[in-house]
PDB file of all heavy atoms in Angstrom:
ATOM      1  N   SER A   1      45.112 -94.024  28.238  1.00  0.00           N
ATOM      2  CA  SER A   1      46.162 -94.991  28.528  1.00  0.00           C
ATOM      3  C   SER A   1      46.139 -95.727  29.752  1.00  0.00           C
ATOM      4  O   SER A   1      46.742 -96.890  29.724  1.00  0.00           O
ATOM      5  CB  SER A   1      47.518 -94.280  28.419  1.00  0.00           C
ATOM      6  OG  SER A   1      47.785 -93.726  27.168  1.00  0.00           O
ATOM      7  N   TYR A   2      45.333 -95.426  30.781  1.00  0.00           N
ATOM      8  CA  TYR A   2      45.319 -96.127  31.940  1.00  0.00           C
ATOM      9  C   TYR A   2      45.035 -97.538  31.788  1.00  0.00           C
ATOM     10  O   TYR A   2      45.804 -98.420  32.229  1.00  0.00           O
ATOM     11  CB  TYR A   2      44.416 -95.537  33.053  1.00  0.00           C
ATOM     12  CG  TYR A   2      44.829 -94.156  33.633  1.00  0.00           C
ATOM     13  CD1 TYR A   2      43.865 -93.282  33.912  1.00  0.00           C
ATOM     14  CD2 TYR A   2      46.032 -93.882  33.679  1.00  0.00           C
ATOM     15  CE1 TYR A   2      44.031 -92.078  34.547  1.00  0.00           C
ATOM     16  CE2 TYR A   2      46.382 -92.516  34.320  1.00  0.00           C
ATOM     17  CZ  TYR A   2      45.402 -91.695  34.743  1.00  0.00           C
ATOM     18  OH  TYR A   2      45.613 -90.441  35.163  1.00  0.00           O
ATOM     19  N   PRO A   3      43.900 -97.987  31.248  1.00  0.00           N
ATOM     20  CA  PRO A   3      43.381 -99.390  31.155  1.00  0.00           C
ATOM     21  C   PRO A   3      44.373-100.153  30.256  1.00  0.00           C
ATOM     22  O   PRO A   3      44.739-101.314  30.640  1.00  0.00           O
ATOM     23  CB  PRO A   3      42.076 -99.261  30.514  1.00  0.00           C
ATOM     24  CG  PRO A   3      41.599 -97.914  30.847  1.00  0.00           C
ATOM     25  CD  PRO A   3      42.662 -97.042  30.853  1.00  0.00           C
ATOM     26  N   ASP A   4      44.881 -99.576  29.260  1.00  0.00           N
ATOM     27  CA  ASP A   4      45.699-100.381  28.283  1.00  0.00           C
ATOM     28  C   ASP A   4      47.051-100.561  28.831  1.00  0.00           C
ATOM     29  O   ASP A   4      47.827-101.672  28.749  1.00  0.00           O
ATOM     30  CB  ASP A   4      45.868 -99.622  26.963  1.00  0.00           C
ATOM     31  CG  ASP A   4      44.521 -99.635  26.141  1.00  0.00           C
ATOM     32  OD1 ASP A   4      44.207-100.749  25.784  1.00  0.00           O
ATOM     33  OD2 ASP A   4      43.867 -98.668  25.887  1.00  0.00           O
ATOM     34  N   MET A   5      47.586 -99.685  29.726  1.00  0.00           N
ATOM     35  CA  MET A   5      48.865 -99.826  30.434  1.00  0.00           C
ATOM     36  C   MET A   5      48.692-101.015  31.387  1.00  0.00           C
ATOM     37  O   MET A   5      49.653-101.767  31.636  1.00  0.00           O
ATOM     38  CB  MET A   5      49.334 -98.533  31.091  1.00  0.00           C
ATOM     39  CG  MET A   5      49.938 -97.551  30.023  1.00  0.00           C
ATOM     40  SD  MET A   5      50.906 -96.196  30.844  1.00  0.00           S
ATOM     41  CE  MET A   5      49.614 -95.319  31.630  1.00  0.00           C
ATOM     42  N   VAL A   6      47.637-101.071  32.061  1.00  0.00           N
ATOM     43  CA  VAL A   6      47.326-102.122  33.010  1.00  0.00           C
ATOM     44  C   VAL A   6      47.331-103.363  32.314  1.00  0.00           C
ATOM     45  O   VAL A   6      47.914-104.395  32.671  1.00  0.00           O
ATOM     46  CB  VAL A   6      46.126-101.924  33.738  1.00  0.00           C
ATOM     47  CG1 VAL A   6      45.527-103.114  34.574  1.00  0.00           C
ATOM     48  CG2 VAL A   6      46.118-100.647  34.737  1.00  0.00           C
ATOM     49  N   LEU A   7      46.651-103.433  31.224  1.00  0.00           N
ATOM     50  CA  LEU A   7      46.694-104.754  30.271  1.00  0.00           C
ATOM     51  C   LEU A   7      48.047-105.175  29.889  1.00  0.00           C
ATOM     52  O   LEU A   7      48.408-106.355  29.950  1.00  0.00           O
ATOM     53  CB  LEU A   7      45.695-104.554  29.138  1.00  0.00           C
ATOM     54  CG  LEU A   7      44.168-104.418  29.473  1.00  0.00           C
ATOM     55  CD1 LEU A   7      43.398-103.997  28.357  1.00  0.00           C
ATOM     56  CD2 LEU A   7      43.716-105.673  30.085  1.00  0.00           C
ATOM     57  N   LEU A   8      48.765-104.296  29.376  1.00  0.00           N
ATOM     58  CA  LEU A   8      50.150-104.544  28.946  1.00  0.00           C
ATOM     59  C   LEU A   8      51.016-105.085  30.102  1.00  0.00           C
ATOM     60  O   LEU A   8      51.870-105.807  29.859  1.00  0.00           O
ATOM     61  CB  LEU A   8      50.802-103.329  28.334  1.00  0.00           C
ATOM     62  CG  LEU A   8      50.441-102.868  26.993  1.00  0.00           C
ATOM     63  CD1 LEU A   8      50.981-101.523  26.598  1.00  0.00           C
ATOM     64  CD2 LEU A   8      51.002-103.964  25.915  1.00  0.00           C
ATOM     65  N   ALA A   9      50.777-104.560  31.341  1.00  0.00           N
ATOM     66  CA  ALA A   9      51.503-105.069  32.510  1.00  0.00           C
ATOM     67  C   ALA A   9      51.038-106.392  33.053  1.00  0.00           C
ATOM     68  O   ALA A   9      51.454-106.818  33.998  1.00  0.00           O
ATOM     69  CB  ALA A   9      51.573-104.006  33.675  1.00  0.00           C
ATOM     70  N   GLY A  10      49.898-106.870  32.384  1.00  0.00           N
ATOM     71  CA  GLY A  10      49.413-108.167  32.927  1.00  0.00           C
ATOM     72  C   GLY A  10      48.293-108.140  33.779  1.00  0.00           C
ATOM     73  O   GLY A  10      47.833-109.194  34.385  1.00  0.00           O
ATOM     74  N   GLY A  11      47.856-106.889  34.277  1.00  0.00           N
ATOM     75  CA  GLY A  11      46.793-106.840  35.169  1.00  0.00           C
ATOM     76  C   GLY A  11      45.372-106.691  34.651  1.00  0.00           C
ATOM     77  O   GLY A  11      45.207-106.790  33.415  1.00  0.00           O
ATOM     78  N   THR A  12      44.450-106.318  35.389  1.00  0.00           N
ATOM     79  CA  THR A  12      42.950-106.278  35.089  1.00  0.00           C
ATOM     80  C   THR A  12      42.499-104.914  35.444  1.00  0.00           C
ATOM     81  O   THR A  12      42.377-104.745  36.617  1.00  0.00           O
ATOM     82  CB  THR A  12      42.171-107.348  35.595  1.00  0.00           C
ATOM     83  OG1 THR A  12      42.683-108.696  35.287  1.00  0.00           O
ATOM     84  CG2 THR A  12      40.683-107.315  35.228  1.00  0.00           C
ATOM     85  N   PRO A  13      42.144-104.190  34.385  1.00  0.00           N
ATOM     86  CA  PRO A  13      41.541-102.827  34.770  1.00  0.00           C
ATOM     87  C   PRO A  13      40.082-103.088  35.329  1.00  0.00           C
ATOM     88  O   PRO A  13      39.260-103.766  34.595  1.00  0.00           O
ATOM     89  CB  PRO A  13      41.640-102.042  33.443  1.00  0.00           C
ATOM     90  CG  PRO A  13      41.589-103.049  32.467  1.00  0.00           C
ATOM     91  CD  PRO A  13      42.340-104.270  32.908  1.00  0.00           C
ATOM     92  N   VAL A  14      39.696-102.392  36.322  1.00  0.00           N
ATOM     93  CA  VAL A  14      38.310-102.424  36.770  1.00  0.00           C
ATOM     94  C   VAL A  14      37.829-100.973  36.808  1.00  0.00           C
ATOM     95  O   VAL A  14      38.214-100.155  37.594  1.00  0.00           O
ATOM     96  CB  VAL A  14      38.236-102.941  38.258  1.00  0.00           C
ATOM     97  CG1 VAL A  14      36.750-102.825  38.873  1.00  0.00           C
ATOM     98  CG2 VAL A  14      38.796-104.344  38.341  1.00  0.00           C
ATOM     99  N   THR A  15      37.048-100.670  35.726  1.00  0.00           N
ATOM    100  CA  THR A  15      36.584 -99.209  35.654  1.00  0.00           C
ATOM    101  C   THR A  15      35.259 -98.998  36.293  1.00  0.00           C
ATOM    102  O   THR A  15      34.372 -99.940  36.348  1.00  0.00           O
ATOM    103  CB  THR A  15      36.446 -98.847  34.112  1.00  0.00           C
ATOM    104  OG1 THR A  15      35.546 -99.781  33.451  1.00  0.00           O
ATOM    105  CG2 THR A  15      37.794 -99.003  33.420  1.00  0.00           C
ATOM    106  N   VAL A  16      35.129 -97.849  36.950  1.00  0.00           N
ATOM    107  CA  VAL A  16      33.953 -97.469  37.759  1.00  0.00           C
ATOM    108  C   VAL A  16      33.373 -96.121  37.140  1.00  0.00           C
ATOM    109  O   VAL A  16      34.170 -95.164  37.124  1.00  0.00           O
ATOM    110  CB  VAL A  16      34.103 -97.392  39.208  1.00  0.00           C
ATOM    111  CG1 VAL A  16      32.870 -97.166  39.903  1.00  0.00           C
ATOM    112  CG2 VAL A  16      34.874 -98.537  39.714  1.00  0.00           C
ATOM    113  N   GLU A  17      32.170 -96.143  36.664  1.00  0.00           N
ATOM    114  CA  GLU A  17      31.715 -94.795  36.027  1.00  0.00           C
ATOM    115  C   GLU A  17      31.474 -93.727  37.031  1.00  0.00           C
ATOM    116  O   GLU A  17      30.582 -93.983  38.041  1.00  0.00           O
ATOM    117  CB  GLU A  17      30.425 -95.156  35.201  1.00  0.00           C
ATOM    118  CG  GLU A  17      30.673 -96.041  33.960  1.00  0.00           C
ATOM    119  CD  GLU A  17      29.500 -96.065  33.080  1.00  0.00           C
ATOM    120  OE1 GLU A  17      28.330 -95.471  33.410  1.00  0.00           O
ATOM    121  OE2 GLU A  17      29.676 -96.577  31.903  1.00  0.00           O
ATOM    122  N   ALA A  18      31.990 -92.613  36.893  1.00  0.00           N
ATOM    123  CA  ALA A  18      31.733 -91.447  37.655  1.00  0.00           C
ATOM    124  C   ALA A  18      30.880 -90.474  36.632  1.00  0.00           C
ATOM    125  O   ALA A  18      31.507 -89.894  35.652  1.00  0.00           O
ATOM    126  CB  ALA A  18      32.987 -90.625  38.035  1.00  0.00           C
ATOM    127  N   THR A  19      29.599 -90.390  36.846  1.00  0.00           N
ATOM    128  CA  THR A  19      28.701 -89.792  35.874  1.00  0.00           C
ATOM    129  C   THR A  19      28.525 -88.341  35.868  1.00  0.00           C
ATOM    130  O   THR A  19      29.117 -87.772  36.920  1.00  0.00           O
ATOM    131  CB  THR A  19      27.437 -90.456  36.120  1.00  0.00           C
ATOM    132  OG1 THR A  19      26.825 -90.156  37.489  1.00  0.00           O
ATOM    133  CG2 THR A  19      27.389 -91.999  35.961  1.00  0.00           C
ATOM    134  N   LEU A  20      27.905 -87.798  34.871  1.00  0.00           N
ATOM    135  CA  LEU A  20      27.644 -86.307  34.816  1.00  0.00           C
ATOM    136  C   LEU A  20      26.989 -85.920  36.093  1.00  0.00           C
ATOM    137  O   LEU A  20      27.075 -84.884  36.702  1.00  0.00           O
ATOM    138  CB  LEU A  20      26.937 -85.988  33.600  1.00  0.00           C
ATOM    139  CG  LEU A  20      26.425 -84.670  33.423  1.00  0.00           C
ATOM    140  CD1 LEU A  20      27.612 -83.753  33.408  1.00  0.00           C
ATOM    141  CD2 LEU A  20      25.642 -84.610  32.131  1.00  0.00           C
ATOM    142  N   GLU A  21      25.965 -86.842  36.632  1.00  0.00           N
ATOM    143  CA  GLU A  21      25.153 -86.413  37.768  1.00  0.00           C
ATOM    144  C   GLU A  21      25.979 -86.236  39.086  1.00  0.00           C
ATOM    145  O   GLU A  21      25.608 -85.395  39.868  1.00  0.00           O
ATOM    146  CB  GLU A  21      24.150 -87.541  37.922  1.00  0.00           C
ATOM    147  CG  GLU A  21      22.957 -87.578  36.969  1.00  0.00           C
ATOM    148  CD  GLU A  21      23.547 -88.202  35.587  1.00  0.00           C
ATOM    149  OE1 GLU A  21      24.562 -88.812  35.557  1.00  0.00           O
ATOM    150  OE2 GLU A  21      22.944 -87.660  34.518  1.00  0.00           O
ATOM    151  N   ASN A  22      27.128 -86.882  39.037  1.00  0.00           N
ATOM    152  CA  ASN A  22      28.023 -86.745  40.114  1.00  0.00           C
ATOM    153  C   ASN A  22      29.256 -85.789  39.834  1.00  0.00           C
ATOM    154  O   ASN A  22      30.376 -85.937  40.455  1.00  0.00           O
ATOM    155  CB  ASN A  22      28.530 -88.054  40.634  1.00  0.00           C
ATOM    156  CG  ASN A  22      27.469 -88.896  41.447  1.00  0.00           C
ATOM    157  OD1 ASN A  22      26.644 -88.263  41.998  1.00  0.00           O
ATOM    158  ND2 ASN A  22      27.536 -90.190  41.200  1.00  0.00           N
ATOM    159  N   ASN A  23      29.080 -84.914  38.815  1.00  0.00           N
ATOM    160  CA  ASN A  23      30.252 -84.105  38.413  1.00  0.00           C
ATOM    161  C   ASN A  23      31.340 -84.820  37.878  1.00  0.00           C
ATOM    162  O   ASN A  23      32.540 -84.304  38.057  1.00  0.00           O
ATOM    163  CB  ASN A  23      30.405 -83.054  39.360  1.00  0.00           C
ATOM    164  CG  ASN A  23      29.332 -82.023  39.662  1.00  0.00           C
ATOM    165  OD1 ASN A  23      28.575 -81.663  38.704  1.00  0.00           O
ATOM    166  ND2 ASN A  23      28.952 -81.844  40.955  1.00  0.00           N
ATOM    167  N   PHE A  24      31.158 -86.068  37.432  1.00  0.00           N
ATOM    168  CA  PHE A  24      32.267 -86.906  36.985  1.00  0.00           C
ATOM    169  C   PHE A  24      33.247 -87.311  37.976  1.00  0.00           C
ATOM    170  O   PHE A  24      34.399 -87.513  37.857  1.00  0.00           O
ATOM    171  CB  PHE A  24      33.070 -86.241  35.899  1.00  0.00           C
ATOM    172  CG  PHE A  24      32.232 -85.884  34.641  1.00  0.00           C
ATOM    173  CD1 PHE A  24      32.096 -84.730  34.120  1.00  0.00           C
ATOM    174  CD2 PHE A  24      31.559 -86.925  33.989  1.00  0.00           C
ATOM    175  CE1 PHE A  24      31.369 -84.386  32.942  1.00  0.00           C
ATOM    176  CE2 PHE A  24      30.769 -86.648  32.850  1.00  0.00           C
ATOM    177  CZ  PHE A  24      30.678 -85.474  32.373  1.00  0.00           C
ATOM    178  N   LYS A  25      32.728 -87.351  39.335  1.00  0.00           N
ATOM    179  CA  LYS A  25      33.700 -87.658  40.405  1.00  0.00           C
ATOM    180  C   LYS A  25      33.115 -89.043  41.119  1.00  0.00           C
ATOM    181  O   LYS A  25      32.005 -89.242  41.256  1.00  0.00           O
ATOM    182  CB  LYS A  25      33.569 -86.573  41.431  1.00  0.00           C
ATOM    183  CG  LYS A  25      34.085 -85.205  40.960  1.00  0.00           C
ATOM    184  CD  LYS A  25      33.986 -84.116  42.056  1.00  0.00           C
ATOM    185  CE  LYS A  25      34.419 -82.824  41.506  1.00  0.00           C
ATOM    186  NZ  LYS A  25      34.177 -81.773  42.538  1.00  0.00           N
ATOM    187  N   LEU A  26      34.117 -89.832  41.416  1.00  0.00           N
ATOM    188  CA  LEU A  26      33.790 -91.088  42.043  1.00  0.00           C
ATOM    189  C   LEU A  26      33.320 -90.936  43.345  1.00  0.00           C
ATOM    190  O   LEU A  26      33.953 -90.012  44.195  1.00  0.00           O
ATOM    191  CB  LEU A  26      35.088 -91.948  42.102  1.00  0.00           C
ATOM    192  CG  LEU A  26      35.032 -93.427  42.427  1.00  0.00           C
ATOM    193  CD1 LEU A  26      34.287 -94.111  41.289  1.00  0.00           C
ATOM    194  CD2 LEU A  26      36.409 -94.034  42.672  1.00  0.00           C
TER     195      LEU A  26
END
């Protein structure tokens, strides 16, 4: 729901991939 709530509120979601190699951590 995070990106879609941002879109509903008029903002722009900027997603950054936290990969398996980094244990899914940014």
